[in-house]
Amino acid sequence: MYSLRSVDVLSCAKIMGAVHGCISLIFIPFFLLFGFASLIFGHDSNPFSGIAGIVLAVVLAIVLPFFYAAMGFLLGALGAWIYNFAARHLGGVQFEVVAPVAGLPPAPSVS
């Protein structure tokens, strides 16, 4: 049985930032769709309210991926730091490594 005793905080933070930044890209079409919907279906007497919806949608589509990436970075670093603290006092996550089955190519090594 092996035990994961420590996680590199910076590498975990970078990966989590990249993952959350990419996940946020899924939401961009919805922001733009709702912005254009507010222009098309807005029944307000003020014609600029629909344009404000599009401007807000475009600003969110540009800003939110960076915000999500930054929050993923910070929370990834915090999570790794908390894991290292807990693993130091309680022991790390235990896992078992199994040898590859004959006839299958070996799994790529992690470096």
Foldseek 3Di string as FASTA:
>chain_A
DDFDQADDLQVQLQVQLVVQLVVVLVCLVVQQVVLCCCQVVPPDPDNCVSVVSNVVSVVCSVPVSNVRSNVSSVVSSVVRVVQNVCCVPPNGDDDDDDFDDPPDDGDDDDD
